[in-house]
Structures are given as structure tokens and as C-alpha cells.
Amino acid sequence: MNESANFSNIHKFYDFVNSLTTLGFDKSWRKQAAKKLNPGSVLDLGSGTGASYTDLINFDVTALDPDEQMLSLNNFEKKVVGKGEELPFKENSFDNVLCCFVWRNVSDTEKALSEVYRVLKPGGKFILLDMTRPKNSFLRLFHKIGTFKITFLIGLLTLNLKEYKFLHNSLDKYPQPEEHLSNSSFNKITINRMGIFGFVYLSILEK
């Protein structure tokens, strides 16, 4: 994960900010993402405080996150400190990898994609849910102004301007997902846009 922001400082507010910036739809979108999973084991990549816990209740889940303080609030039984670029698991370990609203915080997504592919079993799925910017240039500007105001205000109130500035800027870090994910090794990639401006995407990558 990116080391330019210390999420330990905001671990109690991280999920709340996701709810604000997704206009409160993050929980329903997580449920949609979980419904795309194969039966069996799931690596919850960037699990954080365990926001997907109720959606994964019927799966064998391993929660992975680089931040120990966020994992301390996580209710999953199996918890591992680690990052997406160097997954501490053997090849073909999981039926699924799920990543919700943290992919834009990964420092090297090309390496992380390779690692996800490695630990997935043949036929396994990588379900990726995250925010980006709308495709339309006007809506993109409108969205950029809106997310800046939200993250700046929360950063000001919590005295963590650096971390919330990072979260705002992370939405512009990578190209649109249709371009960003196109060169991966996965056999099949499906990308669906969600939200009123299409600023959230749900990707299904199959090995």
C-alpha cells in the first residue's frame, strides 16, 4: 500500500469517509460485489476494519491489510498484516480475492495484479470495487470539487489534512479502470459502472 499517508491516524473514520464519498451507497455496492464471488475461500485484500464482514459471513475469509490498527477493529478470525504487492501466500491459495474501496491506495497495482493472479486458484475470481472519476469531463470536474470539499472538511475537523488530501488525490492516481485493467493476465474482465455519475466501478476478473 502507498506509504505517503498514515491510515493509522484515521482508522476509526476511514469507513465513514467511504460512506460520505459514495453518497451512502457503499454498503449496497459491497453486497453486490460479494454476490459475484465463487463459493469457498476469500482473501479480503485491504480488509481494513472489516467493512465487508457481514457480506462474507458464509465464506472462509482471510483478512489482509498493512495497517495493524485498522485490523485491530476487524472481526474476521483470520487476519494477516501484509500488502497487495507482496502477498504472503502460496500459489493457488484462494477461490476469490475481494478488494473494496482500497485499490487506488495500492502503490504498484501492476505488481499487485500479478500477485492476486498468483494466489488465485484456476477459475478463481478477483472482485474489485472502487471509486474513480466519471468519464464525462464536466461531471468529472463536478465530482472532483465535491470530493475535495468533503475530504478537506473532514481532514480539518479531525486534524488529519494530509491523510484526507491523499484520499482525494488518489481518485486521480490511475487511468480509468477500463484502461487501467486491460493489460492484466486475467482471462476475462468485466467492468460495470455504478452511481449517478458512474464514479464507482465493479470489476470481475477471472483467472
Protein backbone atom coordinates (compact mmCIF):
# COMPACT_ATOMS: atom_id res chain seq x y z
CA MET A 1 0.00 0.00 0.00
CA ASN A 2 1.03 3.57 -0.50
CA GLU A 3 3.23 4.85 2.29
CA SER A 4 2.58 8.56 1.68
CA ALA A 5 -0.36 8.52 4.06
CA ASN A 6 -0.61 7.04 7.54
CA PHE A 7 -4.04 5.47 7.78
CA SER A 8 -3.41 4.58 11.42
CA ASN A 9 -4.24 8.21 12.16
CA ILE A 10 -7.71 7.90 10.62
CA HIS A 11 -8.52 4.22 11.06
CA LYS A 12 -11.70 4.98 13.03
CA PHE A 13 -13.01 7.32 10.32
CA TYR A 14 -11.95 5.54 7.12
CA ASP A 15 -15.21 3.65 6.53
CA PHE A 16 -17.24 6.74 7.41
CA VAL A 17 -15.45 8.74 4.72
CA ASN A 18 -16.14 5.99 2.18
CA SER A 19 -19.83 6.27 3.04
CA LEU A 20 -19.77 10.03 2.54
CA THR A 21 -17.89 9.96 -0.75
CA THR A 22 -20.14 7.20 -2.14
CA LEU A 23 -23.27 9.09 -1.04
CA GLY A 24 -24.12 6.28 1.37
CA PHE A 25 -24.25 3.53 -1.25
CA ASP A 26 -21.02 1.78 -0.26
CA LYS A 27 -22.78 -0.93 1.76
CA SER A 28 -25.19 -1.89 -1.01
CA TRP A 29 -22.33 -1.93 -3.55
CA ARG A 30 -20.31 -4.19 -1.25
CA LYS A 31 -23.25 -6.60 -1.17
CA GLN A 32 -23.36 -6.60 -4.98
CA ALA A 33 -19.63 -7.32 -5.10
CA ALA A 34 -19.93 -10.22 -2.65
CA LYS A 35 -22.69 -11.79 -4.76
CA LYS A 36 -20.20 -12.16 -7.64
CA LEU A 37 -17.86 -14.40 -5.61
CA ASN A 38 -17.35 -18.10 -6.18
CA PRO A 39 -18.17 -20.38 -3.22
CA GLY A 40 -15.22 -21.17 -0.97
CA SER A 41 -12.30 -19.13 0.30
CA VAL A 42 -11.86 -15.35 0.04
CA LEU A 43 -8.85 -13.13 0.54
CA ASP A 44 -10.25 -9.77 1.63
CA LEU A 45 -7.49 -7.56 0.24
CA GLY A 46 -7.22 -4.27 2.11
CA SER A 47 -9.78 -5.51 4.61
CA GLY A 48 -9.13 -2.63 7.00
CA THR A 49 -11.68 -2.54 9.79
CA GLY A 50 -13.67 -5.36 8.18
CA ALA A 51 -16.42 -3.40 6.46
CA SER A 52 -17.29 -6.46 4.34
CA TYR A 53 -17.71 -8.74 7.36
CA THR A 54 -21.50 -9.23 7.13
CA ASP A 55 -21.34 -9.76 3.36
CA LEU A 56 -18.76 -12.55 3.72
CA ILE A 57 -20.30 -14.40 6.66
CA ASN A 58 -20.71 -17.61 4.63
CA PHE A 59 -17.15 -17.65 3.26
CA ASP A 60 -13.79 -18.83 4.58
CA VAL A 61 -12.18 -15.39 4.85
CA THR A 62 -8.61 -14.24 5.35
CA ALA A 63 -8.42 -10.52 6.05
CA LEU A 64 -5.24 -8.79 4.88
CA ASP A 65 -4.22 -5.18 5.49
CA PRO A 66 -0.90 -3.35 6.01
CA ASP A 67 -2.31 -1.35 8.94
CA GLU A 68 -2.35 -3.19 12.28
CA GLN A 69 -4.56 -0.58 13.95
CA MET A 70 -7.25 -0.96 11.31
CA LEU A 71 -7.05 -4.75 11.64
CA SER A 72 -7.47 -4.41 15.41
CA LEU A 73 -11.06 -3.29 14.72
CA ASN A 74 -11.62 -6.14 12.26
CA ASN A 75 -13.92 -9.02 13.32
CA PHE A 76 -12.63 -11.65 10.88
CA GLU A 77 -10.98 -14.57 12.69
CA LYS A 78 -8.03 -14.92 10.31
CA LYS A 79 -6.12 -11.64 10.00
CA VAL A 80 -2.77 -11.07 8.30
CA VAL A 81 -0.65 -7.92 8.17
CA GLY A 82 0.59 -7.52 4.60
CA LYS A 83 0.27 -5.57 1.37
CA GLY A 84 -1.09 -6.35 -2.06
CA GLU A 85 2.26 -6.08 -3.80
CA GLU A 86 3.76 -8.91 -1.70
CA LEU A 87 1.02 -11.33 -0.71
CA PRO A 88 2.32 -13.80 1.92
CA PHE A 89 0.51 -16.82 0.47
CA LYS A 90 1.33 -19.75 -1.80
CA GLU A 91 0.17 -20.06 -5.40
CA ASN A 92 -3.44 -21.18 -5.95
CA SER A 93 -4.44 -20.46 -2.35
CA PHE A 94 -7.85 -18.81 -2.76
CA ASP A 95 -11.09 -19.26 -4.70
CA ASN A 96 -11.58 -15.48 -4.63
CA VAL A 97 -9.86 -12.21 -3.91
CA LEU A 98 -12.11 -9.30 -2.93
CA CYS A 99 -10.92 -5.70 -2.81
CA CYS A 100 -13.36 -2.92 -1.90
CA PHE A 101 -12.55 0.80 -1.99
CA VAL A 102 -8.80 0.48 -1.41
CA TRP A 103 -7.29 -0.35 -4.82
CA ARG A 104 -6.45 3.29 -5.52
CA ASN A 105 -4.28 3.25 -2.38
CA VAL A 106 -2.04 0.48 -3.72
CA SER A 107 1.42 1.77 -4.65
CA ASP A 108 2.10 -0.62 -7.53
CA THR A 109 -1.11 -2.07 -8.96
CA GLU A 110 0.71 -3.87 -11.78
CA LYS A 111 2.63 -5.89 -9.21
CA ALA A 112 -0.47 -6.33 -7.05
CA LEU A 113 -2.46 -7.66 -10.02
CA SER A 114 0.28 -10.18 -10.65
CA GLU A 115 0.22 -11.23 -7.00
CA VAL A 116 -3.57 -11.57 -6.98
CA TYR A 117 -3.39 -13.72 -10.11
CA ARG A 118 -0.71 -15.89 -8.48
CA VAL A 119 -2.65 -16.67 -5.29
CA LEU A 120 -5.95 -17.34 -7.08
CA LYS A 121 -6.88 -20.90 -7.98
CA PRO A 122 -7.61 -21.64 -11.66
CA GLY A 123 -11.12 -20.37 -12.34
CA GLY A 124 -10.87 -18.04 -9.35
CA LYS A 125 -12.25 -14.51 -9.33
CA PHE A 126 -10.80 -11.14 -8.42
CA ILE A 127 -13.72 -8.89 -7.50
CA LEU A 128 -12.58 -5.27 -7.47
CA LEU A 129 -14.85 -2.47 -6.27
CA ASP A 130 -13.55 1.07 -6.09
CA MET A 131 -14.10 4.73 -6.84
CA THR A 132 -12.72 6.63 -9.79
CA ARG A 133 -13.72 9.78 -11.68
CA PRO A 134 -16.72 9.97 -14.05
CA LYS A 135 -15.94 9.62 -17.76
CA ASN A 136 -17.73 12.83 -18.70
CA SER A 137 -15.38 15.83 -18.37
CA PHE A 138 -18.00 18.16 -16.80
CA LEU A 139 -19.14 15.52 -14.30
CA ARG A 140 -15.51 14.70 -13.58
CA LEU A 141 -14.83 18.32 -12.60
CA PHE A 142 -18.03 18.48 -10.53
CA HIS A 143 -17.09 15.25 -8.75
CA LYS A 144 -13.54 16.47 -8.12
CA ILE A 145 -14.78 19.67 -6.47
CA GLY A 146 -17.31 17.77 -4.37
CA THR A 147 -14.89 15.15 -3.06
CA PHE A 148 -12.32 17.85 -2.30
CA LYS A 149 -14.79 19.76 -0.13
CA ILE A 150 -15.83 16.62 1.74
CA THR A 151 -12.33 15.30 2.40
CA PHE A 152 -10.93 18.74 3.25
CA LEU A 153 -13.68 19.40 5.79
CA ILE A 154 -13.22 16.02 7.49
CA GLY A 155 -9.44 16.41 7.45
CA LEU A 156 -9.81 19.83 9.07
CA LEU A 157 -12.20 18.58 11.75
CA THR A 158 -10.06 15.54 12.60
CA LEU A 159 -6.69 17.35 12.28
CA ASN A 160 -5.56 14.90 9.60
CA LEU A 161 -5.40 17.05 6.47
CA LYS A 162 -2.52 15.07 4.91
CA GLU A 163 -4.37 11.75 5.01
CA TYR A 164 -7.61 13.14 3.60
CA LYS A 165 -5.78 15.12 0.93
CA PHE A 166 -4.17 11.82 -0.09
CA LEU A 167 -7.58 10.09 -0.30
CA HIS A 168 -8.89 12.89 -2.52
CA ASN A 169 -5.85 12.82 -4.82
CA SER A 170 -5.90 9.02 -5.03
CA LEU A 171 -9.01 9.24 -7.24
CA ASP A 172 -6.80 10.72 -9.97
CA LYS A 173 -3.81 8.44 -9.43
CA TYR A 174 -4.63 5.80 -12.06
CA PRO A 175 -6.26 5.91 -15.50
CA GLN A 176 -9.91 4.96 -15.93
CA PRO A 177 -10.41 1.28 -14.95
CA GLU A 178 -11.30 0.26 -18.50
CA GLU A 179 -7.74 1.24 -19.47
CA HIS A 180 -6.03 0.50 -16.19
CA LEU A 181 -7.05 -3.17 -16.01
CA SER A 182 -6.88 -4.02 -19.71
CA ASN A 183 -3.30 -5.33 -19.72
CA SER A 184 -3.64 -7.84 -16.89
CA SER A 185 -3.12 -11.59 -17.26
CA PHE A 186 -6.71 -12.50 -16.42
CA ASN A 187 -8.71 -14.49 -18.98
CA LYS A 188 -11.90 -12.47 -18.70
CA ILE A 189 -12.56 -8.94 -17.44
CA THR A 190 -15.97 -7.36 -16.90
CA ILE A 191 -16.32 -3.77 -15.69
CA ASN A 192 -19.63 -2.22 -14.62
CA ARG A 193 -20.04 1.44 -13.71
CA MET A 194 -22.31 2.38 -10.80
CA GLY A 195 -23.51 5.54 -9.10
CA ILE A 196 -25.34 8.51 -10.59
CA PHE A 197 -22.18 9.78 -12.30
CA GLY A 198 -20.56 6.40 -12.88
CA PHE A 199 -17.83 7.23 -10.37
CA VAL A 200 -17.80 3.73 -8.88
CA TYR A 201 -16.83 0.58 -10.79
CA LEU A 202 -17.28 -3.11 -10.10
CA SER A 203 -14.77 -5.29 -11.94
CA ILE A 204 -14.83 -9.06 -12.23
CA LEU A 205 -11.50 -10.58 -13.32
CA GLU A 206 -11.43 -14.34 -13.86
CA LYS A 207 -8.30 -16.49 -13.89
